[in-house]
Amino acid sequence: MAFSPATGTPNGVAVLEGNLTFEPITVNPTDAQLLETRQFNVVDICRFFGVSPVKAFDLTKSSYSTVEATNLSFLTETLSPLLEKIELEFERKLYKPSEKDSIDVRFDTATLLRADKAALAQYYNTLFNIGVVSPNDIRKQLDLPAIEGGDNTFV
């Protein structure tokens, strides 16, 4: 911003001394279009693979709650269908027909839900209150040490 020497107000005429030259800070239309195209390419690639742009480090339209919701969406919409197909293939190709009823292949996605702390707390609270898990079971899932008397379940 240049100041007028006569009035001291901004946006006046700048006086450059010596060998200084004025070069405006602008982006020419070609470079601006290149940047816009690159932005569109990120979104287009994410759309093709079914991944949120946040997962491709495009944080232009995101906040903390958006990132948290995106992680949950990534699990349910992108990973879960793929994991389910892999589980079915494992069950179909690795086990005999007589073993299929006694063996169940499942990926543990619990660690992917750790980012949503409120939902995680509600989940463990519900399981604890209906007697499904003990305090030590919860602590084990959270990578915390067991406590004395924590193996009892309560209803």
C-alpha atoms as a PDB file:
ATOM      1  CA  MET A   1       0.000   0.000   0.000  1.00  0.00           C
ATOM      2  CA  ALA A   2       1.432   3.329  -0.994  1.00  0.00           C
ATOM      3  CA  PHE A   3       0.999   6.507   1.031  1.00  0.00           C
ATOM      4  CA  SER A   4       0.676   9.912  -0.563  1.00  0.00           C
ATOM      5  CA  PRO A   5       3.559  12.054   0.692  1.00  0.00           C
ATOM      6  CA  ALA A   6       1.414  15.181   0.517  1.00  0.00           C
ATOM      7  CA  THR A   7      -1.647  13.990   2.427  1.00  0.00           C
ATOM      8  CA  GLY A   8      -0.415  10.838   4.214  1.00  0.00           C
ATOM      9  CA  THR A   9      -3.415   8.870   2.951  1.00  0.00           C
ATOM     10  CA  PRO A  10      -3.206   5.373   1.481  1.00  0.00           C
ATOM     11  CA  ASN A  11      -3.573   4.583  -2.232  1.00  0.00           C
ATOM     12  CA  GLY A  12      -1.598   7.633  -3.344  1.00  0.00           C
ATOM     13  CA  VAL A  13       1.292   7.741  -5.784  1.00  0.00           C
ATOM     14  CA  ALA A  14       4.388   5.879  -4.608  1.00  0.00           C
ATOM     15  CA  VAL A  15       7.780   7.419  -5.223  1.00  0.00           C
ATOM     16  CA  LEU A  16      10.523   4.892  -5.890  1.00  0.00           C
ATOM     17  CA  GLU A  17      14.096   6.037  -5.450  1.00  0.00           C
ATOM     18  CA  GLY A  18      17.258   4.742  -7.050  1.00  0.00           C
ATOM     19  CA  ASN A  19      17.051   1.688  -9.292  1.00  0.00           C
ATOM     20  CA  LEU A  20      13.830   0.352  -7.723  1.00  0.00           C
ATOM     21  CA  THR A  21      11.086  -0.752 -10.085  1.00  0.00           C
ATOM     22  CA  PHE A  22       7.422  -1.320  -9.398  1.00  0.00           C
ATOM     23  CA  GLU A  23       6.106  -4.861  -9.936  1.00  0.00           C
ATOM     24  CA  PRO A  24       2.476  -5.496  -8.991  1.00  0.00           C
ATOM     25  CA  ILE A  25       1.666  -8.646  -7.071  1.00  0.00           C
ATOM     26  CA  THR A  26      -0.937 -10.307  -9.246  1.00  0.00           C
ATOM     27  CA  VAL A  27      -1.638 -13.690 -10.749  1.00  0.00           C
ATOM     28  CA  ASN A  28      -1.985 -13.622 -14.495  1.00  0.00           C
ATOM     29  CA  PRO A  29      -5.094 -15.313 -15.965  1.00  0.00           C
ATOM     30  CA  THR A  30      -3.155 -18.336 -17.237  1.00  0.00           C
ATOM     31  CA  ASP A  31      -1.708 -19.101 -13.806  1.00  0.00           C
ATOM     32  CA  ALA A  32      -5.080 -18.486 -12.149  1.00  0.00           C
ATOM     33  CA  GLN A  33      -6.731 -20.957 -14.513  1.00  0.00           C
ATOM     34  CA  LEU A  34      -3.969 -23.504 -13.836  1.00  0.00           C
ATOM     35  CA  LEU A  35      -4.567 -23.201 -10.090  1.00  0.00           C
ATOM     36  CA  GLU A  36      -8.316 -23.581 -10.563  1.00  0.00           C
ATOM     37  CA  THR A  37      -7.789 -26.637 -12.781  1.00  0.00           C
ATOM     38  CA  ARG A  38      -5.514 -28.240 -10.200  1.00  0.00           C
ATOM     39  CA  GLN A  39      -8.175 -27.684  -7.530  1.00  0.00           C
ATOM     40  CA  PHE A  40     -10.810 -29.264  -9.768  1.00  0.00           C
ATOM     41  CA  ASN A  41      -8.493 -32.224 -10.469  1.00  0.00           C
ATOM     42  CA  VAL A  42      -8.204 -32.997  -6.740  1.00  0.00           C
ATOM     43  CA  VAL A  43     -11.978 -33.007  -6.338  1.00  0.00           C
ATOM     44  CA  ASP A  44     -12.464 -35.035  -9.513  1.00  0.00           C
ATOM     45  CA  ILE A  45      -9.930 -37.672  -8.484  1.00  0.00           C
ATOM     46  CA  CYS A  46     -11.493 -37.911  -5.028  1.00  0.00           C
ATOM     47  CA  ARG A  47     -14.922 -38.317  -6.597  1.00  0.00           C
ATOM     48  CA  PHE A  48     -13.616 -41.145  -8.819  1.00  0.00           C
ATOM     49  CA  PHE A  49     -12.148 -43.073  -5.883  1.00  0.00           C
ATOM     50  CA  GLY A  50     -15.019 -42.293  -3.498  1.00  0.00           C
ATOM     51  CA  VAL A  51     -12.810 -40.413  -1.051  1.00  0.00           C
ATOM     52  CA  SER A  52     -13.417 -37.046   0.560  1.00  0.00           C
ATOM     53  CA  PRO A  53     -11.094 -34.226  -0.559  1.00  0.00           C
ATOM     54  CA  VAL A  54     -10.030 -33.908   3.097  1.00  0.00           C
ATOM     55  CA  LYS A  55      -8.370 -37.320   2.735  1.00  0.00           C
ATOM     56  CA  ALA A  56      -6.342 -35.867  -0.163  1.00  0.00           C
ATOM     57  CA  PHE A  57      -5.280 -32.951   2.056  1.00  0.00           C
ATOM     58  CA  ASP A  58      -7.648 -30.443   0.431  1.00  0.00           C
ATOM     59  CA  LEU A  59      -8.707 -28.515   3.529  1.00  0.00           C
ATOM     60  CA  THR A  60     -10.162 -25.491   1.743  1.00  0.00           C
ATOM     61  CA  LYS A  61     -13.747 -26.190   2.839  1.00  0.00           C
ATOM     62  CA  SER A  62     -13.246 -27.962   6.141  1.00  0.00           C
ATOM     63  CA  SER A  63     -13.344 -27.483   9.882  1.00  0.00           C
ATOM     64  CA  TYR A  64     -12.643 -29.830  12.798  1.00  0.00           C
ATOM     65  CA  SER A  65     -16.202 -31.182  12.787  1.00  0.00           C
ATOM     66  CA  THR A  66     -16.020 -31.639   9.016  1.00  0.00           C
ATOM     67  CA  VAL A  67     -12.831 -33.668   9.352  1.00  0.00           C
ATOM     68  CA  GLU A  68     -14.385 -35.797  12.111  1.00  0.00           C
ATOM     69  CA  ALA A  69     -17.496 -36.444  10.021  1.00  0.00           C
ATOM     70  CA  THR A  70     -15.316 -37.156   6.988  1.00  0.00           C
ATOM     71  CA  ASN A  71     -13.418 -39.861   8.875  1.00  0.00           C
ATOM     72  CA  LEU A  72     -16.693 -41.561   9.796  1.00  0.00           C
ATOM     73  CA  SER A  73     -17.965 -41.161   6.240  1.00  0.00           C
ATOM     74  CA  PHE A  74     -14.704 -42.603   4.874  1.00  0.00           C
ATOM     75  CA  LEU A  75     -15.170 -45.672   7.055  1.00  0.00           C
ATOM     76  CA  THR A  76     -18.817 -46.254   6.199  1.00  0.00           C
ATOM     77  CA  GLU A  77     -18.845 -45.312   2.520  1.00  0.00           C
ATOM     78  CA  THR A  78     -15.364 -46.179   1.266  1.00  0.00           C
ATOM     79  CA  LEU A  79     -13.697 -48.732   3.520  1.00  0.00           C
ATOM     80  CA  SER A  80     -16.651 -50.798   4.760  1.00  0.00           C
ATOM     81  CA  PRO A  81     -17.769 -52.049   1.321  1.00  0.00           C
ATOM     82  CA  LEU A  82     -14.190 -52.980   0.440  1.00  0.00           C
ATOM     83  CA  LEU A  83     -13.570 -54.684   3.778  1.00  0.00           C
ATOM     84  CA  GLU A  84     -16.830 -56.610   3.488  1.00  0.00           C
ATOM     85  CA  LYS A  85     -15.808 -57.935   0.060  1.00  0.00           C
ATOM     86  CA  ILE A  86     -12.413 -58.998   1.407  1.00  0.00           C
ATOM     87  CA  GLU A  87     -14.047 -60.724   4.411  1.00  0.00           C
ATOM     88  CA  LEU A  88     -16.393 -62.652   2.110  1.00  0.00           C
ATOM     89  CA  GLU A  89     -13.502 -63.680  -0.133  1.00  0.00           C
ATOM     90  CA  PHE A  90     -11.511 -64.906   2.861  1.00  0.00           C
ATOM     91  CA  GLU A  91     -14.460 -66.937   4.094  1.00  0.00           C
ATOM     92  CA  ARG A  92     -15.139 -68.330   0.624  1.00  0.00           C
ATOM     93  CA  LYS A  93     -11.583 -69.198  -0.375  1.00  0.00           C
ATOM     94  CA  LEU A  94      -9.712 -69.999   2.836  1.00  0.00           C
ATOM     95  CA  TYR A  95     -12.093 -72.290   4.704  1.00  0.00           C
ATOM     96  CA  LYS A  96     -13.794 -75.581   3.973  1.00  0.00           C
ATOM     97  CA  PRO A  97     -17.581 -75.604   3.732  1.00  0.00           C
ATOM     98  CA  SER A  98     -17.701 -77.471   7.066  1.00  0.00           C
ATOM     99  CA  GLU A  99     -15.677 -74.682   8.767  1.00  0.00           C
ATOM    100  CA  LYS A 100     -17.685 -71.719   7.426  1.00  0.00           C
ATOM    101  CA  ASP A 101     -20.366 -71.941  10.131  1.00  0.00           C
ATOM    102  CA  SER A 102     -17.845 -71.832  12.983  1.00  0.00           C
ATOM    103  CA  ILE A 103     -15.417 -69.208  11.595  1.00  0.00           C
ATOM    104  CA  ASP A 104     -16.262 -65.555  11.064  1.00  0.00           C
ATOM    105  CA  VAL A 105     -13.755 -63.202   9.433  1.00  0.00           C
ATOM    106  CA  ARG A 106     -14.085 -59.551  10.507  1.00  0.00           C
ATOM    107  CA  PHE A 107     -11.801 -56.538  10.274  1.00  0.00           C
ATOM    108  CA  ASP A 108     -11.577 -54.518  13.475  1.00  0.00           C
ATOM    109  CA  THR A 109     -12.449 -50.943  12.553  1.00  0.00           C
ATOM    110  CA  ALA A 110     -12.809 -49.729  16.139  1.00  0.00           C
ATOM    111  CA  THR A 111      -9.567 -47.766  16.010  1.00  0.00           C
ATOM    112  CA  LEU A 112     -10.873 -45.757  13.051  1.00  0.00           C
ATOM    113  CA  LEU A 113     -13.734 -44.513  15.229  1.00  0.00           C
ATOM    114  CA  ARG A 114     -11.440 -43.156  17.932  1.00  0.00           C
ATOM    115  CA  ALA A 115     -11.458 -39.687  16.360  1.00  0.00           C
ATOM    116  CA  ASP A 116     -15.137 -39.199  17.225  1.00  0.00           C
ATOM    117  CA  LYS A 117     -14.693 -38.972  20.989  1.00  0.00           C
ATOM    118  CA  ALA A 118     -18.335 -38.191  21.810  1.00  0.00           C
ATOM    119  CA  ALA A 119     -19.624 -41.164  19.834  1.00  0.00           C
ATOM    120  CA  LEU A 120     -16.917 -43.400  21.286  1.00  0.00           C
ATOM    121  CA  ALA A 121     -17.814 -42.392  24.855  1.00  0.00           C
ATOM    122  CA  GLN A 122     -21.504 -42.996  24.171  1.00  0.00           C
ATOM    123  CA  TYR A 123     -20.717 -46.378  22.605  1.00  0.00           C
ATOM    124  CA  TYR A 124     -18.677 -47.614  25.574  1.00  0.00           C
ATOM    125  CA  ASN A 125     -21.159 -46.148  28.051  1.00  0.00           C
ATOM    126  CA  THR A 126     -24.035 -48.017  26.417  1.00  0.00           C
ATOM    127  CA  LEU A 127     -22.136 -51.312  26.278  1.00  0.00           C
ATOM    128  CA  PHE A 128     -21.075 -50.921  29.916  1.00  0.00           C
ATOM    129  CA  ASN A 129     -24.579 -50.054  31.131  1.00  0.00           C
ATOM    130  CA  ILE A 130     -26.148 -53.139  29.566  1.00  0.00           C
ATOM    131  CA  GLY A 131     -23.445 -55.417  30.955  1.00  0.00           C
ATOM    132  CA  VAL A 132     -21.750 -56.307  27.677  1.00  0.00           C
ATOM    133  CA  VAL A 133     -18.276 -55.078  28.625  1.00  0.00           C
ATOM    134  CA  SER A 134     -16.350 -54.595  31.839  1.00  0.00           C
ATOM    135  CA  PRO A 135     -14.237 -51.544  32.708  1.00  0.00           C
ATOM    136  CA  ASN A 136     -11.090 -53.536  31.881  1.00  0.00           C
ATOM    137  CA  ASP A 137     -12.509 -54.482  28.467  1.00  0.00           C
ATOM    138  CA  ILE A 138     -13.003 -50.798  27.721  1.00  0.00           C
ATOM    139  CA  ARG A 139      -9.574 -49.898  29.073  1.00  0.00           C
ATOM    140  CA  LYS A 140      -7.990 -52.595  26.891  1.00  0.00           C
ATOM    141  CA  GLN A 141      -9.683 -51.128  23.777  1.00  0.00           C
ATOM    142  CA  LEU A 142      -8.336 -47.686  24.733  1.00  0.00           C
ATOM    143  CA  ASP A 143      -4.803 -49.030  25.338  1.00  0.00           C
ATOM    144  CA  LEU A 144      -5.006 -48.287  29.051  1.00  0.00           C
ATOM    145  CA  PRO A 145      -3.752 -50.587  31.834  1.00  0.00           C
ATOM    146  CA  ALA A 146      -6.216 -52.822  33.661  1.00  0.00           C
ATOM    147  CA  ILE A 147      -7.482 -51.817  37.099  1.00  0.00           C
ATOM    148  CA  GLU A 148      -8.058 -54.027  40.105  1.00  0.00           C
ATOM    149  CA  GLY A 149     -11.638 -55.312  40.208  1.00  0.00           C
ATOM    150  CA  GLY A 150     -12.280 -54.052  36.682  1.00  0.00           C
ATOM    151  CA  ASP A 151     -13.254 -57.419  35.209  1.00  0.00           C
ATOM    152  CA  ASN A 152     -16.780 -57.344  36.659  1.00  0.00           C
ATOM    153  CA  THR A 153     -19.715 -56.366  34.466  1.00  0.00           C
ATOM    154  CA  PHE A 154     -22.634 -54.374  35.821  1.00  0.00           C
ATOM    155  CA  VAL A 155     -26.238 -53.884  34.766  1.00  0.00           C
END
